[in-house]
Amino acid sequence: MTPLLAAFTPRTLAWLDYVLLAVYFSLNLFIGWLCAKRKQGSAGDYFLGGGRVAWWAGAISVFATTTSSISIMALPAMTYMNDWLSFGSSPSQALGMILTAIVFVGILRRLNITTVFTYLENRFSPGVRLLGAGLAVLLKIGGRMSVVMLLPSLALSTVTGLNVYLSICLMGVVTTLYAMEGGFEAVVWTDVMQVVVTFGGIAVALWYIFHGVPDGLSGILRAGAADDKFRMISWSFNATDPTVWVFGGMMLASAITNISDQPVMQRVFAAKDAVAAKKTLLTSTAIAFPASVVFFFIGSALYVFYKIHPERLAAGLPNDAIFPYFVANELPVGVVGLIVAALFAAAMGALSSALNATAAIIVTDVQGVFRPNATEARRVKLARRTTLVAGIIATGMAAYIARMGVPSLWEQYIKLAALIGGGFPGVFALGLLTRKASAIGVVIGAVGSIVVTWWVQTYTHTSVFLHGFVAVFSCMAIGYAASLLLPARDAGKKSLRGLTVWDL
């Protein structure tokens, strides 16, 4: 007879857990304070660290930027409920990052710029630059920042009783403060610390899972394989399931999307030279791929653990809360606080990078267009104010949507990213890969990609992993066709030297 599922009751944190959380948040603020004492007399210092950040720290920061609470909580939930068919997204993104490093980094590094959107003015026009910058800010504040704060807050509230709004405010306030005061250097070095905390917490959690399963790791692999939980490849020729073909499209889209991702490219521009910049991206890939294996494996391991101990699993538990539930109910006092800090750290790494990148975009691409002669002191002042305002808005939005019930925040974020700004990387691709692209043509392509992506999301069952591919390549196809029909007035006269792969 199968044991009845336990009634669901949140386990409150102990005083030692709260002490560890307080130490973690204080350490973030301390790093921000230390970095604020470094030279920050110019926007270059504030946004790129004055070239002082080591490439390996930049690589860890890229990993922290692209990995968030979305990964550390939603991916285990996915493999807990299903199998590893979605794992193809990891090698796709890894190969995409490698292509970005090899093909595009050298070109963009030669331009000596702070934000990727500066390239768009050099290649097309100030209007295209402002459009790209505006979409990026909208997506970061209205999408990514809110989601990475909301997901762990909801899950921790469910399993520990920790107030969801308190969690959001803690992450929002602390991250905004150290990002505002310490700038880019504070973001990078807190990222390094947060990655150590995150994987320290995950290692401890896995140790307890192994000891709760007969034969430990081999027992998990054997039981999971018996239930087909490790199935990860599908050669089915369709666009609705996570197949090899879908992930092939995702890889191509990722290679182009990375170019327009200011948090990632900011670390490229902060490296001392092109060689260090490429090492930054390649090393981040070497970290990210095995890390994704760990994230997926956690879900499978938890499936086996609760199959063996079904009486320990509560009824009515949301999928996204499975990993925090295990932490709160199976680990001892103190260890719980450490891993809750790790969940916060995964969110705050992505959040701080988005805040600093948003400030860089506003100062460089908005103020830089309308007030190009602003003094460095005014630029740094605006940077700090922008970080503060962006943090307040993102925190408020996360609190506002806290009551929304969505089946998977991770999938919702992918859809939102593809719809709002997913096609715009196609503008960069048109600029870098073609000579015929015109300003009016790429704008038409960007708008057209939103319409196409909306139609695909609304009227088809296309896999969510393919939405980015649809957005990027519809932008490129429509934009290139429009450019041929509506060429730039100065076509053939404007120098493209150093702006395309054909004009190096």
Protein backbone atom coordinates (compact mmCIF):
# COMPACT_ATOMS: atom_id res chain seq x y z
CA MET A 1 0.00 0.00 0.00
CA THR A 2 1.39 3.38 -1.04
CA PRO A 3 1.91 5.71 1.95
CA LEU A 4 -0.27 8.79 2.03
CA LEU A 5 1.43 12.07 1.15
CA ALA A 6 2.14 14.23 4.14
CA ALA A 7 -0.01 17.28 4.78
CA PHE A 8 1.80 20.34 3.52
CA THR A 9 3.04 22.65 6.28
CA PRO A 10 5.90 25.12 5.76
CA ARG A 11 8.95 24.64 7.96
CA THR A 12 10.02 27.95 9.42
CA LEU A 13 13.69 28.90 9.45
CA ALA A 14 15.63 28.69 12.72
CA TRP A 15 17.55 31.58 14.26
CA LEU A 16 20.87 30.14 12.99
CA ASP A 17 19.51 30.13 9.44
CA TYR A 18 18.60 33.79 9.76
CA VAL A 19 22.07 34.56 11.10
CA LEU A 20 23.67 32.93 8.07
CA LEU A 21 21.38 34.87 5.75
CA ALA A 22 22.29 38.10 7.52
CA VAL A 23 25.99 37.30 7.13
CA TYR A 24 25.48 36.58 3.43
CA PHE A 25 23.64 39.85 2.74
CA SER A 26 26.19 41.80 4.81
CA LEU A 27 29.06 40.29 2.83
CA ASN A 28 27.49 41.52 -0.42
CA LEU A 29 27.19 45.03 0.98
CA PHE A 30 30.77 44.89 2.27
CA ILE A 31 32.12 43.97 -1.19
CA GLY A 32 30.12 46.84 -2.68
CA TRP A 33 31.59 49.23 -0.11
CA LEU A 34 35.15 48.06 -0.84
CA CYS A 35 34.68 48.49 -4.60
CA ALA A 36 33.14 51.94 -4.09
CA LYS A 37 36.50 53.05 -2.69
CA ARG A 38 38.21 52.19 -5.99
CA LYS A 39 38.63 54.73 -8.76
CA GLN A 40 35.23 55.62 -10.26
CA GLY A 41 35.88 59.02 -11.76
CA SER A 42 34.61 58.10 -15.21
CA ALA A 43 31.84 56.10 -16.82
CA GLY A 44 34.53 53.72 -18.09
CA ASP A 45 35.54 52.98 -14.49
CA TYR A 46 31.95 52.58 -13.34
CA PHE A 47 30.79 50.32 -16.20
CA LEU A 48 33.97 48.45 -17.18
CA GLY A 49 36.03 48.51 -13.99
CA GLY A 50 38.80 50.54 -15.60
CA GLY A 51 40.28 47.34 -17.06
CA ARG A 52 41.13 46.08 -13.57
CA VAL A 53 38.89 42.98 -13.55
CA ALA A 54 40.72 39.69 -14.22
CA TRP A 55 39.46 37.65 -17.18
CA TRP A 56 38.75 34.61 -14.98
CA ALA A 57 36.59 36.71 -12.65
CA GLY A 58 34.80 38.04 -15.72
CA ALA A 59 34.19 34.45 -16.86
CA ILE A 60 32.64 33.50 -13.53
CA SER A 61 30.57 36.68 -13.71
CA VAL A 62 29.30 35.77 -17.19
CA PHE A 63 28.20 32.43 -15.77
CA ALA A 64 26.48 34.13 -12.81
CA THR A 65 24.83 36.59 -15.19
CA THR A 66 23.39 33.94 -17.50
CA THR A 67 22.53 31.52 -14.67
CA SER A 68 19.91 32.59 -12.18
CA SER A 69 17.26 31.32 -9.81
CA ILE A 70 15.40 30.38 -12.99
CA SER A 71 18.04 27.72 -13.65
CA ILE A 72 18.70 26.51 -10.13
CA MET A 73 15.01 26.01 -9.33
CA ALA A 74 13.06 25.59 -12.56
CA LEU A 75 15.44 23.09 -14.18
CA PRO A 76 15.37 20.62 -11.26
CA ALA A 77 11.58 20.98 -11.21
CA MET A 78 11.47 20.09 -14.91
CA THR A 79 13.54 16.91 -14.61
CA TYR A 80 11.78 15.94 -11.40
CA MET A 81 8.49 15.87 -13.30
CA ASN A 82 9.77 14.69 -16.68
CA ASP A 83 13.03 13.55 -18.27
CA TRP A 84 16.13 15.21 -19.73
CA LEU A 85 14.79 15.98 -23.21
CA SER A 86 15.14 19.70 -22.47
CA PHE A 87 18.82 19.25 -21.69
CA GLY A 88 19.68 19.95 -25.32
CA SER A 89 19.32 23.64 -24.50
CA SER A 90 22.61 23.48 -22.57
CA PRO A 91 24.95 22.29 -25.34
CA SER A 92 23.06 24.56 -27.74
CA GLN A 93 23.81 27.60 -25.61
CA ALA A 94 27.39 26.45 -25.03
CA LEU A 95 28.07 26.06 -28.75
CA GLY A 96 26.35 29.39 -29.37
CA MET A 97 28.69 31.10 -26.90
CA ILE A 98 31.72 29.50 -28.56
CA LEU A 99 30.58 30.81 -31.96
CA THR A 100 30.09 34.27 -30.47
CA ALA A 101 33.62 34.24 -29.07
CA ILE A 102 35.21 33.05 -32.31
CA VAL A 103 33.25 35.04 -34.90
CA PHE A 104 32.10 38.30 -33.32
CA VAL A 105 34.21 39.25 -30.28
CA GLY A 106 37.21 40.41 -32.31
CA ILE A 107 35.10 42.76 -34.44
CA LEU A 108 33.27 44.37 -31.52
CA ARG A 109 36.42 44.70 -29.37
CA ARG A 110 38.13 46.78 -32.08
CA LEU A 111 35.40 49.42 -31.83
CA ASN A 112 36.38 50.42 -28.26
CA ILE A 113 32.78 50.77 -27.04
CA THR A 114 30.98 50.43 -23.71
CA THR A 115 27.62 49.08 -24.91
CA VAL A 116 26.76 46.94 -27.91
CA PHE A 117 24.14 49.45 -29.01
CA THR A 118 26.84 51.97 -29.89
CA TYR A 119 27.66 49.61 -32.76
CA LEU A 120 24.15 50.13 -34.15
CA GLU A 121 24.69 53.87 -34.52
CA ASN A 122 28.03 53.32 -36.25
CA ARG A 123 26.46 50.76 -38.60
CA PHE A 124 22.97 52.23 -39.08
CA SER A 125 21.70 55.34 -37.28
CA PRO A 126 21.08 56.88 -33.84
CA GLY A 127 17.42 55.87 -34.14
CA VAL A 128 18.24 52.18 -34.46
CA ARG A 129 20.60 52.52 -31.49
CA LEU A 130 17.86 54.07 -29.34
CA LEU A 131 15.32 51.44 -30.40
CA GLY A 132 17.64 48.61 -29.41
CA ALA A 133 18.57 50.27 -26.14
CA GLY A 134 14.91 50.90 -25.27
CA LEU A 135 13.89 47.29 -25.93
CA ALA A 136 16.81 46.02 -23.85
CA VAL A 137 15.89 48.20 -20.86
CA LEU A 138 12.23 47.20 -21.14
CA LEU A 139 13.07 43.49 -21.20
CA LYS A 140 15.53 43.69 -18.33
CA ILE A 141 13.40 45.75 -15.95
CA GLY A 142 10.01 44.38 -16.97
CA GLY A 143 11.09 40.80 -17.51
CA ARG A 144 14.35 39.32 -16.34
CA MET A 145 14.92 41.27 -13.11
CA SER A 146 11.38 40.71 -11.89
CA VAL A 147 11.35 36.98 -12.71
CA VAL A 148 14.72 36.18 -11.11
CA MET A 149 13.53 37.82 -7.86
CA LEU A 150 10.04 36.39 -7.96
CA LEU A 151 10.78 32.69 -8.55
CA PRO A 152 12.88 32.02 -5.42
CA SER A 153 10.66 34.28 -3.33
CA LEU A 154 7.53 32.31 -4.22
CA ALA A 155 9.20 28.95 -3.68
CA LEU A 156 10.82 29.90 -0.37
CA SER A 157 7.55 31.38 0.85
CA THR A 158 5.79 28.10 0.03
CA VAL A 159 8.20 25.79 1.83
CA THR A 160 9.61 27.94 4.66
CA GLY A 161 6.87 30.48 5.29
CA LEU A 162 9.39 33.27 4.55
CA ASN A 163 7.29 36.23 3.44
CA VAL A 164 7.43 36.52 -0.35
CA TYR A 165 7.48 40.32 -0.28
CA LEU A 166 10.24 40.34 2.33
CA SER A 167 12.36 38.06 0.13
CA ILE A 168 11.80 40.27 -2.91
CA CYS A 169 12.66 43.41 -0.96
CA LEU A 170 15.79 41.88 0.57
CA MET A 171 17.14 40.86 -2.81
CA GLY A 172 16.08 44.08 -4.50
CA VAL A 173 17.38 46.47 -1.83
CA VAL A 174 20.70 44.78 -1.08
CA THR A 175 21.53 44.15 -4.75
CA THR A 176 20.59 47.68 -5.75
CA LEU A 177 22.74 49.18 -3.00
CA TYR A 178 25.96 47.32 -3.78
CA ALA A 179 25.49 47.65 -7.56
CA MET A 180 24.84 51.38 -7.20
CA GLU A 181 27.81 52.08 -4.94
CA GLY A 182 30.45 49.71 -6.30
CA GLY A 183 29.56 49.69 -9.99
CA PHE A 184 30.84 47.01 -12.35
CA GLU A 185 33.63 45.81 -10.08
CA ALA A 186 31.20 45.21 -7.22
CA VAL A 187 28.93 43.28 -9.58
CA VAL A 188 31.76 41.04 -10.77
CA TRP A 189 33.29 40.29 -7.36
CA THR A 190 29.93 39.67 -5.69
CA ASP A 191 29.18 37.34 -8.62
CA VAL A 192 32.34 35.38 -7.81
CA MET A 193 31.34 35.11 -4.15
CA GLN A 194 27.76 34.19 -5.05
CA VAL A 195 28.85 31.39 -7.38
CA VAL A 196 30.98 29.92 -4.58
CA VAL A 197 28.01 30.12 -2.18
CA THR A 198 25.63 28.64 -4.77
CA PHE A 199 27.73 25.59 -5.57
CA GLY A 200 28.73 25.13 -1.97
CA GLY A 201 25.06 24.91 -1.08
CA ILE A 202 24.28 22.58 -3.99
CA ALA A 203 27.15 20.26 -3.05
CA VAL A 204 25.83 19.97 0.51
CA ALA A 205 22.29 19.30 -0.73
CA LEU A 206 23.49 16.57 -3.10
CA TRP A 207 25.46 14.94 -0.28
CA TYR A 208 22.25 14.61 1.75
CA ILE A 209 20.32 13.28 -1.25
CA PHE A 210 22.97 10.63 -1.89
CA HIS A 211 22.82 9.52 1.73
CA GLY A 212 19.04 9.21 1.53
CA VAL A 213 19.18 6.75 -1.38
CA PRO A 214 20.54 3.17 -1.10
CA ASP A 215 23.89 2.94 -2.94
CA GLY A 216 23.97 6.72 -3.31
CA LEU A 217 24.89 7.97 -6.79
CA SER A 218 24.79 4.52 -8.41
CA GLY A 219 21.39 3.91 -6.84
CA ILE A 220 20.05 7.16 -8.27
CA LEU A 221 21.41 6.40 -11.73
CA ARG A 222 20.01 2.86 -11.65
CA ALA A 223 16.53 3.82 -10.43
CA GLY A 224 16.32 6.85 -12.71
CA ALA A 225 17.36 4.83 -15.75
CA ALA A 226 14.79 2.15 -14.93
CA ASP A 227 12.04 4.80 -15.10
CA ASP A 228 13.53 6.39 -18.24
CA LYS A 229 14.24 9.63 -16.35
CA PHE A 230 17.54 10.26 -18.16
CA ARG A 231 16.20 10.22 -21.73
CA MET A 232 17.75 13.32 -23.32
CA ILE A 233 17.78 12.95 -27.13
CA SER A 234 14.89 12.94 -29.57
CA TRP A 235 15.49 12.71 -33.32
CA SER A 236 11.80 13.17 -34.07
CA PHE A 237 11.47 15.54 -37.02
CA ASN A 238 9.04 18.09 -35.62
CA ALA A 239 9.10 21.57 -34.15
CA THR A 240 6.74 20.98 -31.22
CA ASP A 241 8.96 18.83 -29.00
CA PRO A 242 12.48 19.47 -27.64
CA THR A 243 14.28 17.62 -30.45
CA VAL A 244 17.81 17.73 -31.84
CA TRP A 245 16.55 19.89 -34.73
CA VAL A 246 14.91 22.38 -32.38
CA PHE A 247 18.13 22.73 -30.40
CA GLY A 248 20.11 23.20 -33.61
CA GLY A 249 18.00 26.26 -34.30
CA MET A 250 18.41 27.36 -30.71
CA MET A 251 22.21 27.16 -31.06
CA LEU A 252 22.23 29.50 -34.06
CA ALA A 253 19.88 31.91 -32.32
CA SER A 254 22.03 31.84 -29.15
CA ALA A 255 25.19 32.74 -31.08
CA ILE A 256 23.48 35.85 -32.38
CA THR A 257 21.53 36.67 -29.22
CA ASN A 258 24.74 36.79 -27.17
CA ILE A 259 25.93 39.73 -29.27
CA SER A 260 23.01 41.89 -28.18
CA ASP A 261 23.13 40.83 -24.51
CA GLN A 262 24.72 43.84 -22.80
CA PRO A 263 25.52 42.05 -19.49
CA VAL A 264 27.50 39.40 -21.38
CA MET A 265 29.19 41.79 -23.80
CA GLN A 266 30.02 44.20 -20.99
CA ARG A 267 32.43 41.58 -19.66
CA VAL A 268 33.89 41.27 -23.16
CA PHE A 269 34.48 45.02 -23.33
CA ALA A 270 35.91 45.08 -19.80
CA ALA A 271 38.66 42.54 -20.64
CA LYS A 272 42.10 44.03 -21.26
CA ASP A 273 42.29 42.79 -24.87
CA ALA A 274 40.55 40.60 -27.46
CA VAL A 275 42.41 37.46 -26.35
CA ALA A 276 41.29 37.94 -22.73
CA ALA A 277 37.75 38.68 -23.96
CA LYS A 278 37.58 35.39 -25.84
CA LYS A 279 39.01 33.53 -22.85
CA THR A 280 36.29 35.10 -20.71
CA LEU A 281 33.48 33.70 -22.87
CA LEU A 282 35.08 30.32 -23.48
CA THR A 283 35.84 29.81 -19.80
CA SER A 284 32.31 30.79 -18.84
CA THR A 285 31.09 28.08 -21.22
CA ALA A 286 33.42 25.56 -19.59
CA ILE A 287 31.76 26.41 -16.28
CA ALA A 288 28.17 26.64 -17.51
CA PHE A 289 27.89 23.29 -19.30
CA PRO A 290 28.81 21.02 -16.35
CA ALA A 291 26.78 23.29 -14.07
CA SER A 292 23.69 22.66 -16.19
CA VAL A 293 24.31 18.92 -15.85
CA VAL A 294 24.20 19.39 -12.09
CA PHE A 295 20.98 21.44 -12.23
CA PHE A 296 19.22 18.80 -14.34
CA PHE A 297 20.58 15.98 -12.20
CA ILE A 298 19.19 17.50 -8.98
CA GLY A 299 15.65 16.99 -10.26
CA SER A 300 16.25 13.36 -11.21
CA ALA A 301 17.94 12.69 -7.87
CA LEU A 302 14.98 14.20 -6.01
CA TYR A 303 12.61 12.02 -8.04
CA VAL A 304 14.43 8.88 -6.87
CA PHE A 305 14.69 10.19 -3.29
CA TYR A 306 10.95 10.78 -2.99
CA LYS A 307 10.13 7.55 -4.81
CA ILE A 308 11.97 5.77 -2.00
CA HIS A 309 10.51 8.06 0.69
CA PRO A 310 7.04 9.01 -0.61
CA GLU A 311 5.75 9.67 2.91
CA ARG A 312 8.11 12.67 3.15
CA LEU A 313 6.59 14.46 0.17
CA ALA A 314 3.76 16.90 0.79
CA ALA A 315 0.58 17.01 -1.26
CA GLY A 316 -0.13 20.09 -3.32
CA LEU A 317 3.50 21.17 -3.62
CA PRO A 318 4.18 23.46 -6.65
CA ASN A 319 6.69 21.97 -9.09
CA ASP A 320 9.07 24.93 -8.89
CA ALA A 321 9.31 24.47 -5.11
CA ILE A 322 10.58 20.87 -5.10
CA PHE A 323 14.24 21.71 -4.46
CA PRO A 324 13.56 24.34 -1.75
CA TYR A 325 11.10 21.87 -0.18
CA PHE A 326 13.81 19.23 0.11
CA VAL A 327 16.19 21.79 1.58
CA ALA A 328 13.70 23.02 4.15
CA ASN A 329 12.47 19.60 5.25
CA GLU A 330 15.45 17.24 4.95
CA LEU A 331 18.48 19.30 5.94
CA PRO A 332 19.58 20.34 9.43
CA VAL A 333 19.42 23.82 10.91
CA GLY A 334 22.23 26.01 9.63
CA VAL A 335 22.63 24.03 6.43
CA VAL A 336 19.15 25.23 5.45
CA GLY A 337 20.28 28.84 5.86
CA LEU A 338 23.35 28.19 3.72
CA ILE A 339 21.32 26.77 0.82
CA VAL A 340 18.61 29.42 1.08
CA ALA A 341 21.48 31.93 0.75
CA ALA A 342 22.64 29.98 -2.32
CA LEU A 343 19.16 30.36 -3.86
CA PHE A 344 19.24 34.08 -3.17
CA ALA A 345 22.78 34.27 -4.59
CA ALA A 346 21.69 32.67 -7.88
CA ALA A 347 19.07 35.39 -8.26
CA MET A 348 21.21 38.32 -7.14
CA GLY A 349 24.05 37.55 -9.56
CA ALA A 350 21.74 37.93 -12.55
CA LEU A 351 19.95 40.89 -10.97
CA SER A 352 23.08 42.97 -10.27
CA SER A 353 24.40 42.43 -13.80
CA ALA A 354 21.09 43.54 -15.28
CA LEU A 355 21.07 46.64 -13.08
CA ASN A 356 24.58 47.69 -14.07
CA ALA A 357 23.91 46.94 -17.73
CA THR A 358 20.70 49.00 -17.63
CA ALA A 359 22.60 51.96 -16.19
CA ALA A 360 25.28 51.56 -18.86
CA ILE A 361 22.62 51.63 -21.60
CA ILE A 362 20.88 54.73 -20.22
CA VAL A 363 24.10 56.68 -19.75
CA THR A 364 25.90 55.57 -22.92
CA ASP A 365 23.07 55.15 -25.38
CA VAL A 366 20.47 57.67 -24.21
CA GLN A 367 22.50 60.41 -22.58
CA GLY A 368 25.26 59.73 -25.10
CA VAL A 369 22.88 60.52 -27.99
CA PHE A 370 21.02 63.50 -26.51
CA ARG A 371 23.82 65.00 -24.38
CA PRO A 372 27.08 63.76 -25.86
CA ASN A 373 29.09 66.51 -24.12
CA ALA A 374 28.06 65.62 -20.56
CA THR A 375 30.96 65.58 -18.11
CA GLU A 376 32.22 62.33 -16.64
CA ALA A 377 31.00 63.43 -13.21
CA ARG A 378 27.46 63.86 -14.56
CA ARG A 379 27.62 60.50 -16.32
CA VAL A 380 28.65 58.67 -13.16
CA LYS A 381 25.96 60.50 -11.18
CA LEU A 382 23.31 59.48 -13.72
CA ALA A 383 24.63 55.91 -13.61
CA ARG A 384 24.06 55.66 -9.87
CA ARG A 385 20.62 57.25 -10.09
CA THR A 386 19.62 54.92 -12.92
CA THR A 387 20.74 51.87 -10.95
CA LEU A 388 18.66 53.02 -8.00
CA VAL A 389 15.54 53.73 -10.07
CA ALA A 390 15.83 50.50 -12.05
CA GLY A 391 16.19 48.52 -8.82
CA ILE A 392 13.12 50.16 -7.31
CA ILE A 393 11.00 49.56 -10.42
CA ALA A 394 12.10 45.92 -10.80
CA THR A 395 11.48 45.20 -7.12
CA GLY A 396 8.06 46.81 -7.34
CA MET A 397 7.14 44.83 -10.44
CA ALA A 398 8.24 41.55 -8.84
CA ALA A 399 6.03 42.31 -5.84
CA TYR A 400 3.15 43.29 -8.13
CA ILE A 401 3.13 40.01 -10.08
CA ALA A 402 3.82 37.87 -6.99
CA ARG A 403 0.19 36.74 -6.91
CA MET A 404 0.06 35.68 -10.57
CA GLY A 405 -0.27 31.93 -11.03
CA VAL A 406 1.78 30.61 -13.95
CA PRO A 407 2.64 26.93 -14.55
CA SER A 408 6.31 27.60 -15.29
CA LEU A 409 7.99 30.96 -14.81
CA TRP A 410 10.97 29.71 -16.78
CA GLU A 411 8.89 29.01 -19.90
CA GLN A 412 6.99 32.28 -19.48
CA TYR A 413 10.25 34.20 -19.35
CA ILE A 414 11.55 32.50 -22.51
CA LYS A 415 8.33 33.41 -24.32
CA LEU A 416 8.46 37.01 -23.09
CA ALA A 417 12.11 37.39 -24.07
CA ALA A 418 11.44 36.00 -27.55
CA LEU A 419 8.41 38.24 -28.07
CA ILE A 420 9.69 41.60 -26.79
CA GLY A 421 13.32 41.56 -27.81
CA GLY A 422 14.05 38.12 -29.21
CA GLY A 423 14.11 39.32 -32.79
CA PHE A 424 16.30 42.35 -32.27
CA PRO A 425 19.57 40.36 -32.23
CA GLY A 426 18.75 39.79 -35.90
CA VAL A 427 19.50 43.50 -36.40
CA PHE A 428 23.04 42.95 -35.12
CA ALA A 429 23.37 39.88 -37.35
CA LEU A 430 22.25 41.87 -40.39
CA GLY A 431 24.72 44.60 -39.56
CA LEU A 432 27.66 42.27 -38.97
CA LEU A 433 27.00 39.67 -41.66
CA THR A 434 25.67 41.74 -44.58
CA ARG A 435 26.55 44.94 -46.43
CA LYS A 436 23.07 45.58 -47.83
CA ALA A 437 21.19 46.05 -44.53
CA SER A 438 19.74 49.55 -44.09
CA ALA A 439 18.40 51.38 -41.04
CA ILE A 440 14.78 51.41 -42.20
CA GLY A 441 15.08 47.80 -43.35
CA VAL A 442 16.30 46.43 -40.02
CA VAL A 443 13.64 48.37 -38.10
CA ILE A 444 10.96 46.82 -40.31
CA GLY A 445 12.60 43.45 -39.65
CA ALA A 446 12.54 43.97 -35.87
CA VAL A 447 8.86 44.96 -35.89
CA GLY A 448 8.01 42.12 -38.27
CA SER A 449 9.72 39.60 -36.01
CA ILE A 450 7.45 40.60 -33.10
CA VAL A 451 4.38 39.93 -35.27
CA VAL A 452 5.74 36.60 -36.52
CA THR A 453 6.79 35.46 -33.03
CA TRP A 454 3.42 36.44 -31.56
CA TRP A 455 1.63 34.44 -34.27
CA VAL A 456 3.84 31.38 -33.67
CA GLN A 457 3.33 31.56 -29.90
CA THR A 458 -0.42 32.08 -30.21
CA TYR A 459 -1.47 29.81 -33.07
CA THR A 460 1.08 26.98 -33.14
CA HIS A 461 2.47 24.42 -30.73
CA THR A 462 6.08 25.16 -31.65
CA SER A 463 8.52 24.27 -28.86
CA VAL A 464 9.36 27.19 -26.59
CA PHE A 465 13.04 26.48 -27.29
CA LEU A 466 12.50 27.44 -30.94
CA HIS A 467 10.83 30.79 -30.30
CA GLY A 468 14.15 32.63 -30.15
CA PHE A 469 15.18 31.11 -33.50
CA VAL A 470 11.86 32.16 -35.03
CA ALA A 471 12.28 35.71 -33.72
CA VAL A 472 15.90 36.17 -34.81
CA PHE A 473 15.68 34.68 -38.27
CA SER A 474 12.31 36.24 -39.12
CA CYS A 475 13.92 39.58 -38.27
CA MET A 476 16.85 38.77 -40.55
CA ALA A 477 14.69 37.58 -43.44
CA ILE A 478 12.20 40.46 -43.28
CA GLY A 479 14.92 43.01 -42.55
CA TYR A 480 17.12 41.93 -45.44
CA ALA A 481 14.22 41.91 -47.90
CA ALA A 482 13.11 45.36 -46.70
CA SER A 483 16.68 46.65 -47.01
CA LEU A 484 16.84 45.57 -50.64
CA LEU A 485 13.54 47.34 -51.33
CA LEU A 486 14.38 50.41 -49.20
CA PRO A 487 18.16 50.89 -49.35
CA ALA A 488 19.86 53.56 -47.26
CA ARG A 489 20.23 56.96 -48.92
CA ASP A 490 23.97 56.82 -48.45
CA ALA A 491 24.23 53.19 -49.64
CA GLY A 492 27.60 52.69 -51.24
CA LYS A 493 28.99 55.90 -49.73
CA LYS A 494 29.12 55.17 -46.00
CA SER A 495 32.27 53.36 -44.96
CA LEU A 496 31.67 49.93 -43.46
CA ARG A 497 35.30 49.45 -42.51
CA GLY A 498 35.50 47.39 -39.33
CA LEU A 499 31.71 47.05 -39.08
CA THR A 500 31.04 43.78 -40.93
CA VAL A 501 32.81 40.44 -41.19
CA TRP A 502 33.52 41.32 -44.83
CA ASP A 503 35.17 44.67 -44.11
CA LEU A 504 37.85 43.97 -41.53
